[in-house]
Amino acid sequence: MKKPKTDKAAPRKRREMTNLGKAVQHYLIDAGLTLGAFAGECGVNATGLSQIMVGAKPIPRGWITIVKLPIFLRQAAAIQYRDAISAEHEAVTNLKGWATDTPEERLLVGKDEK
């Protein structure tokens, strides 16, 4: 017995653009960039950037340190991860015997290469 044909699948609901997404969209228009080209600069693919713009994916934390990104994206990432960064900073500064940026520390982390 054949299954009865059903009507078309329900259309997918389109997510509304977040404020960050709207800012990205305006930036792309002003800069004359495509979503794909800009996504490459951001270190994600176009689909990933679209998902970030509608809030389906979080802003990547690495955006804080990508100097070539527009400042509004770096600030958005910093705001999103502010609490985590503060907690990490507090944990590091509370280490007993922590000497900041001594010659020994620089050697330990490979900053002083001769």
N, C-alpha and C. Protein backbone atom coordinates (compact mmCIF):
# COMPACT_ATOMS: atom_id res chain seq x y z
N MET A 1 0.82 -1.17 0.00
CA MET A 1 0.00 0.00 0.00
C MET A 1 0.87 1.25 0.00
N LYS A 2 0.52 2.19 -0.83
CA LYS A 2 1.28 3.45 -0.91
C LYS A 2 0.84 4.40 0.19
N LYS A 3 1.82 5.15 0.65
CA LYS A 3 1.52 6.18 1.63
C LYS A 3 0.85 7.34 0.92
N PRO A 4 -0.12 7.94 1.55
CA PRO A 4 -0.76 9.10 0.90
C PRO A 4 0.22 10.26 0.86
N LYS A 5 0.17 11.01 -0.22
CA LYS A 5 1.04 12.17 -0.36
C LYS A 5 0.58 13.26 0.60
N THR A 6 1.56 13.83 1.25
CA THR A 6 1.26 14.93 2.17
C THR A 6 1.52 16.24 1.46
N ASP A 7 0.97 17.27 2.02
CA ASP A 7 1.23 18.60 1.48
C ASP A 7 2.70 18.94 1.66
N LYS A 8 3.10 20.01 1.06
CA LYS A 8 4.49 20.45 1.17
C LYS A 8 4.89 20.61 2.63
N ALA A 9 6.14 20.43 2.86
CA ALA A 9 6.65 20.63 4.22
C ALA A 9 6.44 22.07 4.64
N ALA A 10 6.26 22.25 5.91
CA ALA A 10 6.06 23.60 6.43
C ALA A 10 7.29 24.44 6.15
N PRO A 11 7.10 25.67 5.74
CA PRO A 11 8.27 26.52 5.46
C PRO A 11 9.05 26.77 6.74
N ARG A 12 10.37 26.85 6.57
CA ARG A 12 11.23 27.12 7.73
C ARG A 12 11.00 28.55 8.20
N LYS A 13 11.03 28.70 9.50
CA LYS A 13 10.90 30.05 10.05
C LYS A 13 12.23 30.76 9.89
N ARG A 14 12.16 31.94 9.40
CA ARG A 14 13.37 32.74 9.22
C ARG A 14 13.67 33.47 10.52
N ARG A 15 14.90 33.36 10.97
CA ARG A 15 15.28 34.04 12.21
C ARG A 15 15.48 35.52 11.94
N GLU A 16 15.11 36.30 12.92
CA GLU A 16 15.28 37.74 12.79
C GLU A 16 16.73 38.11 13.07
N MET A 17 17.23 39.08 12.35
CA MET A 17 18.61 39.53 12.48
C MET A 17 18.81 40.22 13.83
N THR A 18 19.93 39.92 14.49
CA THR A 18 20.27 40.58 15.76
C THR A 18 20.82 41.98 15.45
N ASN A 19 21.01 42.78 16.49
CA ASN A 19 21.61 44.10 16.28
C ASN A 19 23.01 43.97 15.70
N LEU A 20 23.76 42.96 16.15
CA LEU A 20 25.09 42.73 15.59
C LEU A 20 24.97 42.39 14.11
N GLY A 21 24.01 41.54 13.77
CA GLY A 21 23.80 41.17 12.37
C GLY A 21 23.47 42.37 11.51
N LYS A 22 22.64 43.25 12.04
CA LYS A 22 22.29 44.47 11.30
C LYS A 22 23.52 45.35 11.11
N ALA A 23 24.35 45.44 12.14
CA ALA A 23 25.57 46.25 12.04
C ALA A 23 26.52 45.65 10.99
N VAL A 24 26.64 44.32 10.98
CA VAL A 24 27.48 43.66 9.98
C VAL A 24 26.94 43.94 8.59
N GLN A 25 25.63 43.83 8.43
CA GLN A 25 25.01 44.06 7.12
C GLN A 25 25.29 45.49 6.63
N HIS A 26 25.14 46.46 7.50
CA HIS A 26 25.43 47.85 7.12
C HIS A 26 26.91 48.03 6.77
N TYR A 27 27.77 47.38 7.56
CA TYR A 27 29.21 47.47 7.29
C TYR A 27 29.54 46.89 5.91
N LEU A 28 28.94 45.74 5.59
CA LEU A 28 29.20 45.12 4.29
C LEU A 28 28.78 46.03 3.14
N ILE A 29 27.64 46.65 3.29
CA ILE A 29 27.15 47.56 2.25
C ILE A 29 28.08 48.76 2.11
N ASP A 30 28.44 49.37 3.25
CA ASP A 30 29.31 50.55 3.22
C ASP A 30 30.69 50.24 2.66
N ALA A 31 31.21 49.05 3.00
CA ALA A 31 32.56 48.67 2.56
C ALA A 31 32.55 48.02 1.18
N GLY A 32 31.38 47.71 0.67
CA GLY A 32 31.28 47.07 -0.65
C GLY A 32 31.81 45.64 -0.64
N LEU A 33 31.61 44.94 0.47
CA LEU A 33 32.10 43.57 0.61
C LEU A 33 30.95 42.58 0.48
N THR A 34 31.29 41.36 0.08
CA THR A 34 30.30 40.29 0.08
C THR A 34 30.37 39.57 1.42
N LEU A 35 29.31 38.87 1.75
CA LEU A 35 29.28 38.12 3.00
C LEU A 35 30.40 37.08 3.02
N GLY A 36 30.61 36.39 1.90
CA GLY A 36 31.65 35.37 1.82
C GLY A 36 33.05 35.93 2.02
N ALA A 37 33.33 37.05 1.38
CA ALA A 37 34.65 37.66 1.52
C ALA A 37 34.90 38.12 2.95
N PHE A 38 33.90 38.73 3.55
CA PHE A 38 34.04 39.22 4.92
C PHE A 38 34.13 38.05 5.90
N ALA A 39 33.39 36.99 5.65
CA ALA A 39 33.45 35.82 6.52
C ALA A 39 34.87 35.26 6.55
N GLY A 40 35.54 35.24 5.40
CA GLY A 40 36.92 34.78 5.36
C GLY A 40 37.83 35.61 6.23
N GLU A 41 37.63 36.92 6.25
CA GLU A 41 38.43 37.80 7.11
C GLU A 41 38.16 37.51 8.58
N CYS A 42 36.94 37.09 8.87
CA CYS A 42 36.54 36.81 10.25
C CYS A 42 36.97 35.42 10.71
N GLY A 43 37.44 34.60 9.79
CA GLY A 43 37.88 33.26 10.16
C GLY A 43 36.76 32.24 10.24
N VAL A 44 35.62 32.54 9.63
CA VAL A 44 34.50 31.61 9.58
C VAL A 44 34.02 31.51 8.14
N ASN A 45 33.16 30.54 7.85
CA ASN A 45 32.60 30.50 6.50
C ASN A 45 31.34 31.36 6.46
N ALA A 46 30.78 31.55 5.27
CA ALA A 46 29.62 32.43 5.12
C ALA A 46 28.43 31.94 5.92
N THR A 47 28.22 30.63 5.95
CA THR A 47 27.11 30.07 6.73
C THR A 47 27.30 30.36 8.21
N GLY A 48 28.52 30.19 8.70
CA GLY A 48 28.80 30.47 10.11
C GLY A 48 28.57 31.92 10.46
N LEU A 49 28.99 32.82 9.57
CA LEU A 49 28.78 34.25 9.83
C LEU A 49 27.28 34.57 9.82
N SER A 50 26.55 33.97 8.90
CA SER A 50 25.09 34.18 8.87
C SER A 50 24.45 33.71 10.17
N GLN A 51 24.89 32.57 10.68
CA GLN A 51 24.34 32.06 11.93
C GLN A 51 24.68 32.97 13.11
N ILE A 52 25.86 33.56 13.09
CA ILE A 52 26.24 34.52 14.14
C ILE A 52 25.35 35.77 14.03
N MET A 53 25.07 36.18 12.80
CA MET A 53 24.28 37.40 12.57
C MET A 53 22.84 37.26 13.05
N VAL A 54 22.31 36.04 13.05
CA VAL A 54 20.94 35.83 13.52
C VAL A 54 20.88 35.29 14.94
N GLY A 55 22.05 35.12 15.56
CA GLY A 55 22.09 34.68 16.93
C GLY A 55 22.02 33.18 17.13
N ALA A 56 22.12 32.40 16.05
CA ALA A 56 22.08 30.94 16.18
C ALA A 56 23.39 30.38 16.71
N LYS A 57 24.48 31.10 16.51
CA LYS A 57 25.79 30.70 17.02
C LYS A 57 26.38 31.87 17.79
N PRO A 58 27.19 31.57 18.81
CA PRO A 58 27.81 32.67 19.57
C PRO A 58 28.93 33.33 18.77
N ILE A 59 29.25 34.53 19.16
CA ILE A 59 30.37 35.24 18.56
C ILE A 59 31.65 34.51 18.95
N PRO A 60 32.54 34.22 18.02
CA PRO A 60 33.78 33.53 18.39
C PRO A 60 34.65 34.40 19.30
N ARG A 61 35.16 33.79 20.35
CA ARG A 61 35.99 34.53 21.31
C ARG A 61 37.26 35.06 20.65
N GLY A 62 37.78 34.34 19.67
CA GLY A 62 38.99 34.76 18.98
C GLY A 62 38.87 36.09 18.27
N TRP A 63 37.66 36.55 18.02
CA TRP A 63 37.48 37.85 17.35
C TRP A 63 38.06 38.99 18.16
N ILE A 64 38.19 38.82 19.46
CA ILE A 64 38.73 39.89 20.30
C ILE A 64 40.14 40.27 19.83
N THR A 65 40.91 39.30 19.40
CA THR A 65 42.32 39.53 19.08
C THR A 65 42.63 39.68 17.60
N ILE A 66 41.64 39.57 16.73
CA ILE A 66 41.90 39.72 15.29
C ILE A 66 41.90 41.21 14.95
N VAL A 67 43.08 41.77 14.85
CA VAL A 67 43.25 43.21 14.70
C VAL A 67 42.60 43.75 13.42
N LYS A 68 42.57 42.96 12.36
CA LYS A 68 42.03 43.46 11.09
C LYS A 68 40.51 43.54 11.07
N LEU A 69 39.84 43.01 12.09
CA LEU A 69 38.38 43.09 12.14
C LEU A 69 37.94 44.49 12.54
N PRO A 70 36.78 44.91 12.08
CA PRO A 70 36.25 46.21 12.52
C PRO A 70 36.08 46.20 14.05
N ILE A 71 36.29 47.34 14.63
CA ILE A 71 36.28 47.45 16.09
C ILE A 71 34.95 47.02 16.69
N PHE A 72 33.83 47.24 16.00
CA PHE A 72 32.54 46.87 16.59
C PHE A 72 32.43 45.36 16.77
N LEU A 73 33.05 44.56 15.91
CA LEU A 73 33.02 43.11 16.08
C LEU A 73 33.90 42.68 17.24
N ARG A 74 35.05 43.31 17.37
CA ARG A 74 35.96 42.98 18.47
C ARG A 74 35.31 43.36 19.81
N GLN A 75 34.62 44.50 19.84
CA GLN A 75 33.95 44.92 21.06
C GLN A 75 32.81 43.98 21.41
N ALA A 76 32.06 43.53 20.39
CA ALA A 76 30.95 42.60 20.64
C ALA A 76 31.47 41.31 21.26
N ALA A 77 32.58 40.81 20.74
CA ALA A 77 33.17 39.59 21.29
C ALA A 77 33.65 39.82 22.72
N ALA A 78 34.27 40.96 22.96
CA ALA A 78 34.76 41.27 24.31
C ALA A 78 33.61 41.38 25.30
N ILE A 79 32.51 41.98 24.87
CA ILE A 79 31.35 42.12 25.75
C ILE A 79 30.76 40.74 26.06
N GLN A 80 30.66 39.90 25.03
CA GLN A 80 30.07 38.57 25.24
C GLN A 80 30.89 37.73 26.21
N TYR A 81 32.21 37.87 26.17
CA TYR A 81 33.08 37.04 27.00
C TYR A 81 33.66 37.78 28.20
N ARG A 82 33.12 38.96 28.50
CA ARG A 82 33.66 39.79 29.58
C ARG A 82 33.75 39.05 30.91
N ASP A 83 32.69 38.36 31.31
CA ASP A 83 32.68 37.68 32.61
C ASP A 83 33.72 36.56 32.65
N ALA A 84 33.81 35.79 31.57
CA ALA A 84 34.79 34.70 31.53
C ALA A 84 36.21 35.24 31.57
N ILE A 85 36.45 36.31 30.84
CA ILE A 85 37.79 36.92 30.82
C ILE A 85 38.14 37.47 32.19
N SER A 86 37.18 38.12 32.83
CA SER A 86 37.43 38.67 34.17
C SER A 86 37.75 37.55 35.16
N ALA A 87 37.02 36.45 35.08
CA ALA A 87 37.27 35.33 35.99
C ALA A 87 38.65 34.73 35.74
N GLU A 88 39.03 34.60 34.48
CA GLU A 88 40.35 34.07 34.15
C GLU A 88 41.45 35.00 34.64
N HIS A 89 41.25 36.30 34.45
CA HIS A 89 42.24 37.28 34.91
C HIS A 89 42.39 37.22 36.43
N GLU A 90 41.27 37.14 37.11
CA GLU A 90 41.31 37.06 38.57
C GLU A 90 42.03 35.79 39.03
N ALA A 91 41.76 34.69 38.35
CA ALA A 91 42.42 33.42 38.72
C ALA A 91 43.93 33.52 38.54
N VAL A 92 44.35 34.16 37.46
CA VAL A 92 45.79 34.30 37.19
C VAL A 92 46.43 35.23 38.21
N THR A 93 45.80 36.34 38.51
CA THR A 93 46.40 37.30 39.44
C THR A 93 46.39 36.79 40.88
N ASN A 94 45.53 35.81 41.18
CA ASN A 94 45.48 35.26 42.54
C ASN A 94 46.46 34.11 42.75
N LEU A 95 47.21 33.74 41.72
CA LEU A 95 48.20 32.67 41.90
C LEU A 95 49.26 33.14 42.89
N LYS A 96 49.56 32.29 43.85
CA LYS A 96 50.57 32.66 44.84
C LYS A 96 51.95 32.62 44.20
N GLY A 97 52.74 33.62 44.52
CA GLY A 97 54.10 33.67 44.01
C GLY A 97 54.18 34.05 42.55
N TRP A 98 53.12 34.60 42.01
CA TRP A 98 53.08 34.97 40.60
C TRP A 98 53.94 36.19 40.37
N ALA A 99 54.95 36.05 39.55
CA ALA A 99 55.82 37.17 39.20
C ALA A 99 55.49 37.53 37.76
N THR A 100 55.06 38.74 37.54
CA THR A 100 54.62 39.11 36.20
C THR A 100 55.77 39.59 35.34
N ASP A 101 55.92 38.92 34.24
CA ASP A 101 56.85 39.32 33.20
C ASP A 101 58.31 39.43 33.67
N THR A 102 58.72 38.48 34.48
CA THR A 102 60.13 38.43 34.87
C THR A 102 60.92 37.77 33.75
N PRO A 103 62.24 37.91 33.73
CA PRO A 103 63.03 37.23 32.70
C PRO A 103 62.81 35.72 32.70
N GLU A 104 62.65 35.14 33.90
CA GLU A 104 62.42 33.71 33.99
C GLU A 104 61.07 33.33 33.36
N GLU A 105 60.07 34.16 33.62
CA GLU A 105 58.75 33.89 33.05
C GLU A 105 58.78 34.00 31.53
N ARG A 106 59.47 34.99 31.02
CA ARG A 106 59.54 35.17 29.57
C ARG A 106 60.24 33.97 28.93
N LEU A 107 61.26 33.45 29.59
CA LEU A 107 61.94 32.25 29.06
C LEU A 107 61.00 31.05 29.10
N LEU A 108 60.23 30.94 30.18
CA LEU A 108 59.32 29.82 30.35
C LEU A 108 58.28 29.77 29.23
N VAL A 109 57.76 30.92 28.83
CA VAL A 109 56.74 30.94 27.80
C VAL A 109 57.30 31.22 26.41
N GLY A 110 58.62 31.34 26.31
CA GLY A 110 59.25 31.50 25.00
C GLY A 110 59.23 32.91 24.44
N LYS A 111 59.11 33.90 25.30
CA LYS A 111 59.12 35.29 24.83
C LYS A 111 60.53 35.82 24.59
N ASP A 112 61.50 35.35 25.38
CA ASP A 112 62.87 35.81 25.25
C ASP A 112 63.67 34.81 24.42
N GLU A 113 63.61 34.94 23.13
CA GLU A 113 64.37 34.05 22.27
C GLU A 113 65.57 34.82 21.75
N LYS A 114 66.76 34.24 21.94
CA LYS A 114 67.97 34.95 21.51
C LYS A 114 68.56 34.26 20.32
